């Protein structure tokens, strides 16, 4: 079993919640929906998710809300979720360590 899968299992995520495994953890791709009515994380497929957050895309507030929502979804600390690319885009690459 890869380190990413064993880490995610230890943290409570099911195998179908896992994204693409990397040497440091897992990498997922998300479509951000800032300014939504409700916060939610929707799984599209193995590595693609749609994350809706209430915060507007101003001064990084939506990005921080996305990080918090993903940390809660995968049951990991907020510090273990990083935006690898897409800080100013709705399409983002996220790494969860």
N, C-alpha and C. Protein backbone atom coordinates (compact mmCIF):
# COMPACT_ATOMS: atom_id res chain seq x y z
N UNK A 1 0.85 -1.17 0.00
CA UNK A 1 0.00 0.00 0.00
C UNK A 1 0.90 1.23 0.00
N UNK A 2 0.55 2.24 -0.80
CA UNK A 2 1.36 3.44 -0.90
C UNK A 2 1.27 4.25 0.39
N UNK A 3 2.28 5.10 0.66
CA UNK A 3 2.22 5.94 1.87
C UNK A 3 0.99 6.84 1.88
N UNK A 4 0.59 7.35 0.72
CA UNK A 4 -0.58 8.24 0.66
C UNK A 4 -1.84 7.48 1.06
N UNK A 5 -1.99 6.27 0.57
CA UNK A 5 -3.18 5.49 0.89
C UNK A 5 -3.21 5.11 2.36
N UNK A 6 -2.06 4.70 2.91
CA UNK A 6 -2.05 4.33 4.32
C UNK A 6 -2.28 5.55 5.20
N UNK A 7 -1.74 6.72 4.82
CA UNK A 7 -1.97 7.96 5.56
C UNK A 7 -3.45 8.31 5.53
N UNK A 8 -4.05 8.26 4.37
CA UNK A 8 -5.47 8.61 4.24
C UNK A 8 -6.34 7.64 5.00
N UNK A 9 -6.01 6.36 4.96
CA UNK A 9 -6.80 5.39 5.71
C UNK A 9 -6.68 5.63 7.21
N UNK A 10 -5.46 5.96 7.65
CA UNK A 10 -5.26 6.24 9.07
C UNK A 10 -6.05 7.48 9.49
N UNK A 11 -6.22 8.42 8.58
CA UNK A 11 -6.94 9.65 8.89
C UNK A 11 -8.44 9.51 8.72
N UNK A 12 -8.92 8.35 8.25
CA UNK A 12 -10.35 8.13 8.18
C UNK A 12 -10.96 8.24 6.79
N UNK A 13 -10.19 8.60 5.77
CA UNK A 13 -10.73 8.69 4.41
C UNK A 13 -10.85 7.28 3.85
N UNK A 14 -11.89 7.05 3.10
CA UNK A 14 -12.06 5.74 2.49
C UNK A 14 -11.22 5.66 1.22
N UNK A 15 -10.91 4.47 0.73
CA UNK A 15 -10.08 4.33 -0.46
C UNK A 15 -10.64 5.05 -1.68
N UNK A 16 -11.97 5.13 -1.79
CA UNK A 16 -12.52 5.80 -2.96
C UNK A 16 -12.40 7.33 -2.87
N UNK A 17 -12.03 7.86 -1.69
CA UNK A 17 -11.84 9.30 -1.54
C UNK A 17 -10.43 9.73 -1.92
N UNK A 18 -9.56 8.80 -2.22
CA UNK A 18 -8.17 9.12 -2.46
C UNK A 18 -7.93 9.66 -3.85
N UNK A 19 -7.02 10.61 -3.96
CA UNK A 19 -6.65 11.16 -5.24
C UNK A 19 -5.40 10.49 -5.77
N UNK A 20 -4.73 11.16 -6.66
CA UNK A 20 -3.51 10.67 -7.27
C UNK A 20 -2.40 10.65 -6.22
N UNK A 21 -1.76 9.52 -6.00
CA UNK A 21 -0.72 9.40 -4.99
C UNK A 21 0.56 10.06 -5.47
N UNK A 22 1.21 10.81 -4.57
CA UNK A 22 2.52 11.39 -4.83
C UNK A 22 3.46 10.90 -3.74
N UNK A 23 4.74 11.24 -3.86
CA UNK A 23 5.69 10.79 -2.85
C UNK A 23 5.42 11.45 -1.50
N UNK A 24 4.80 12.63 -1.50
CA UNK A 24 4.53 13.34 -0.25
C UNK A 24 3.11 13.14 0.25
N UNK A 25 2.24 12.56 -0.52
CA UNK A 25 0.85 12.41 -0.11
C UNK A 25 -0.01 12.13 -1.32
N UNK A 26 -1.07 12.94 -1.49
CA UNK A 26 -1.92 12.76 -2.67
C UNK A 26 -2.20 14.11 -3.30
N UNK A 27 -2.47 14.09 -4.57
CA UNK A 27 -2.74 15.30 -5.34
C UNK A 27 -4.12 15.17 -5.95
N UNK A 28 -4.93 16.21 -5.76
CA UNK A 28 -6.27 16.22 -6.34
C UNK A 28 -6.45 17.51 -7.15
N UNK A 29 -7.43 17.49 -8.02
CA UNK A 29 -7.73 18.65 -8.86
C UNK A 29 -9.14 19.10 -8.52
N UNK A 30 -9.29 20.39 -8.29
CA UNK A 30 -10.61 20.87 -7.90
C UNK A 30 -11.07 22.01 -8.80
N UNK A 31 -12.38 22.15 -8.87
CA UNK A 31 -12.99 23.33 -9.47
C UNK A 31 -13.60 24.09 -8.31
N UNK A 32 -13.17 25.32 -8.12
CA UNK A 32 -13.65 26.13 -7.01
C UNK A 32 -14.92 26.87 -7.39
N UNK A 33 -15.83 26.95 -6.44
CA UNK A 33 -17.06 27.73 -6.62
C UNK A 33 -17.18 28.69 -5.43
N UNK A 34 -16.51 29.85 -5.50
CA UNK A 34 -16.62 30.82 -4.41
C UNK A 34 -17.97 31.53 -4.45
N UNK A 35 -18.38 32.06 -3.31
CA UNK A 35 -19.64 32.78 -3.25
C UNK A 35 -20.87 31.90 -3.33
N UNK A 36 -20.74 30.63 -2.99
CA UNK A 36 -21.87 29.69 -3.06
C UNK A 36 -22.79 29.89 -1.85
N UNK A 37 -23.99 29.38 -1.95
CA UNK A 37 -24.94 29.48 -0.82
C UNK A 37 -24.55 28.58 0.33
N UNK A 38 -23.98 27.42 0.02
CA UNK A 38 -23.58 26.50 1.07
C UNK A 38 -22.20 25.93 0.77
N UNK A 39 -21.49 25.54 1.82
CA UNK A 39 -20.18 24.95 1.64
C UNK A 39 -20.31 23.45 1.49
N UNK A 40 -19.67 22.91 0.44
CA UNK A 40 -19.69 21.46 0.25
C UNK A 40 -18.54 21.03 -0.65
N UNK A 41 -18.19 19.76 -0.51
CA UNK A 41 -17.16 19.13 -1.34
C UNK A 41 -17.85 18.00 -2.07
N UNK A 42 -17.81 18.05 -3.41
CA UNK A 42 -18.44 17.01 -4.23
C UNK A 42 -17.36 16.26 -4.99
N UNK A 43 -17.42 14.95 -4.92
CA UNK A 43 -16.46 14.13 -5.65
C UNK A 43 -17.00 13.87 -7.05
N UNK A 44 -16.21 14.22 -8.07
CA UNK A 44 -16.58 13.99 -9.46
C UNK A 44 -16.07 12.63 -9.90
N UNK A 45 -14.80 12.37 -9.66
CA UNK A 45 -14.19 11.06 -9.91
C UNK A 45 -13.03 10.88 -8.96
N UNK A 46 -12.15 9.94 -9.25
CA UNK A 46 -11.05 9.59 -8.34
C UNK A 46 -10.17 10.77 -7.93
N UNK A 47 -9.89 11.69 -8.85
CA UNK A 47 -8.97 12.80 -8.54
C UNK A 47 -9.60 14.18 -8.73
N UNK A 48 -10.84 14.27 -9.14
CA UNK A 48 -11.47 15.56 -9.40
C UNK A 48 -12.62 15.81 -8.43
N UNK A 49 -12.63 17.03 -7.88
CA UNK A 49 -13.63 17.43 -6.92
C UNK A 49 -14.15 18.82 -7.27
N UNK A 50 -15.35 19.13 -6.81
CA UNK A 50 -15.91 20.47 -6.90
C UNK A 50 -16.07 20.94 -5.46
N UNK A 51 -15.47 22.11 -5.14
CA UNK A 51 -15.54 22.63 -3.78
C UNK A 51 -16.28 23.96 -3.81
N UNK A 52 -17.41 24.03 -3.13
CA UNK A 52 -18.21 25.25 -3.04
C UNK A 52 -17.99 25.86 -1.66
N UNK A 53 -17.69 27.17 -1.63
CA UNK A 53 -17.49 27.88 -0.37
C UNK A 53 -18.27 29.19 -0.39
N UNK A 54 -18.63 29.68 0.77
CA UNK A 54 -19.42 30.91 0.87
C UNK A 54 -18.57 32.17 0.65
N UNK A 55 -17.30 32.12 0.98
CA UNK A 55 -16.44 33.29 0.90
C UNK A 55 -16.22 33.74 -0.54
N UNK A 56 -16.11 35.06 -0.74
CA UNK A 56 -15.83 35.59 -2.09
C UNK A 56 -14.34 35.45 -2.42
N UNK A 57 -14.01 35.48 -3.70
CA UNK A 57 -12.60 35.35 -4.10
C UNK A 57 -11.84 36.67 -3.95
N UNK A 58 -11.81 37.20 -2.74
CA UNK A 58 -11.16 38.48 -2.47
C UNK A 58 -10.08 38.25 -1.40
N UNK A 59 -8.86 38.68 -1.72
CA UNK A 59 -7.72 38.61 -0.80
C UNK A 59 -7.48 37.20 -0.25
N UNK A 60 -7.73 36.19 -1.06
CA UNK A 60 -7.43 34.82 -0.67
C UNK A 60 -8.41 34.18 0.30
N UNK A 61 -9.52 34.86 0.58
CA UNK A 61 -10.48 34.31 1.54
C UNK A 61 -11.11 33.02 1.03
N UNK A 62 -11.44 32.95 -0.25
CA UNK A 62 -12.02 31.73 -0.81
C UNK A 62 -11.00 30.59 -0.79
N UNK A 63 -9.76 30.89 -1.08
CA UNK A 63 -8.71 29.85 -1.04
C UNK A 63 -8.57 29.26 0.36
N UNK A 64 -8.59 30.10 1.37
CA UNK A 64 -8.48 29.61 2.75
C UNK A 64 -9.70 28.76 3.12
N UNK A 65 -10.87 29.18 2.66
CA UNK A 65 -12.09 28.40 2.93
C UNK A 65 -12.03 27.05 2.23
N UNK A 66 -11.48 27.01 1.02
CA UNK A 66 -11.33 25.76 0.28
C UNK A 66 -10.38 24.82 1.03
N UNK A 67 -9.27 25.35 1.51
CA UNK A 67 -8.31 24.55 2.27
C UNK A 67 -8.98 23.96 3.52
N UNK A 68 -9.75 24.78 4.23
CA UNK A 68 -10.43 24.32 5.44
C UNK A 68 -11.48 23.25 5.11
N UNK A 69 -12.23 23.46 4.03
CA UNK A 69 -13.25 22.49 3.65
C UNK A 69 -12.62 21.15 3.27
N UNK A 70 -11.52 21.20 2.53
CA UNK A 70 -10.86 19.95 2.14
C UNK A 70 -10.22 19.25 3.34
N UNK A 71 -9.66 20.01 4.26
CA UNK A 71 -9.08 19.43 5.47
C UNK A 71 -10.16 18.70 6.27
N UNK A 72 -11.32 19.31 6.37
CA UNK A 72 -12.43 18.68 7.09
C UNK A 72 -12.92 17.43 6.35
N UNK A 73 -13.01 17.51 5.02
CA UNK A 73 -13.49 16.39 4.21
C UNK A 73 -12.57 15.18 4.34
N UNK A 74 -11.24 15.42 4.27
CA UNK A 74 -10.27 14.33 4.33
C UNK A 74 -9.81 14.02 5.75
N UNK A 75 -10.33 14.78 6.73
CA UNK A 75 -10.00 14.57 8.15
C UNK A 75 -8.50 14.67 8.41
N UNK A 76 -7.91 15.76 7.92
CA UNK A 76 -6.50 16.06 8.17
C UNK A 76 -6.41 17.49 8.70
N UNK A 77 -5.25 17.84 9.22
CA UNK A 77 -5.02 19.20 9.71
C UNK A 77 -4.98 20.17 8.53
N UNK A 78 -5.38 21.41 8.79
CA UNK A 78 -5.40 22.44 7.74
C UNK A 78 -4.00 22.63 7.16
N UNK A 79 -2.97 22.51 7.98
CA UNK A 79 -1.59 22.69 7.53
C UNK A 79 -1.11 21.62 6.57
N UNK A 80 -1.85 20.53 6.44
CA UNK A 80 -1.46 19.45 5.54
C UNK A 80 -2.06 19.58 4.15
N UNK A 81 -2.87 20.62 3.94
CA UNK A 81 -3.51 20.86 2.65
C UNK A 81 -2.87 22.08 2.02
N UNK A 82 -2.34 21.94 0.80
CA UNK A 82 -1.64 23.04 0.13
C UNK A 82 -2.16 23.21 -1.29
N UNK A 83 -2.30 24.46 -1.70
CA UNK A 83 -2.63 24.75 -3.09
C UNK A 83 -1.31 24.79 -3.85
N UNK A 84 -1.14 23.85 -4.77
CA UNK A 84 0.09 23.75 -5.55
C UNK A 84 0.06 24.72 -6.72
N UNK A 85 -1.09 24.81 -7.39
CA UNK A 85 -1.24 25.76 -8.49
C UNK A 85 -2.69 26.19 -8.59
N UNK A 86 -2.90 27.38 -9.15
CA UNK A 86 -4.25 27.87 -9.35
C UNK A 86 -4.74 28.85 -8.30
N UNK A 87 -3.82 29.58 -7.65
CA UNK A 87 -4.23 30.53 -6.62
C UNK A 87 -5.24 31.55 -7.12
N UNK A 88 -5.12 31.96 -8.39
CA UNK A 88 -6.03 32.97 -8.93
C UNK A 88 -7.00 32.40 -9.96
N UNK A 89 -7.14 31.09 -9.99
CA UNK A 89 -8.00 30.42 -10.95
C UNK A 89 -9.04 29.58 -10.23
N UNK A 90 -10.12 29.26 -10.93
CA UNK A 90 -11.12 28.34 -10.35
C UNK A 90 -10.63 26.89 -10.42
N UNK A 91 -9.73 26.60 -11.35
CA UNK A 91 -9.14 25.27 -11.47
C UNK A 91 -7.88 25.24 -10.62
N UNK A 92 -7.85 24.38 -9.61
CA UNK A 92 -6.73 24.33 -8.69
C UNK A 92 -6.18 22.92 -8.54
N UNK A 93 -4.90 22.83 -8.26
CA UNK A 93 -4.25 21.58 -7.94
C UNK A 93 -3.91 21.64 -6.46
N UNK A 94 -4.35 20.64 -5.72
CA UNK A 94 -4.19 20.60 -4.28
C UNK A 94 -3.37 19.39 -3.90
N UNK A 95 -2.44 19.57 -2.96
CA UNK A 95 -1.67 18.44 -2.44
C UNK A 95 -2.02 18.27 -0.96
N UNK A 96 -2.34 17.05 -0.60
CA UNK A 96 -2.66 16.73 0.79
C UNK A 96 -1.58 15.80 1.31
N UNK A 97 -0.87 16.26 2.30
CA UNK A 97 0.28 15.52 2.84
C UNK A 97 -0.16 14.69 4.03
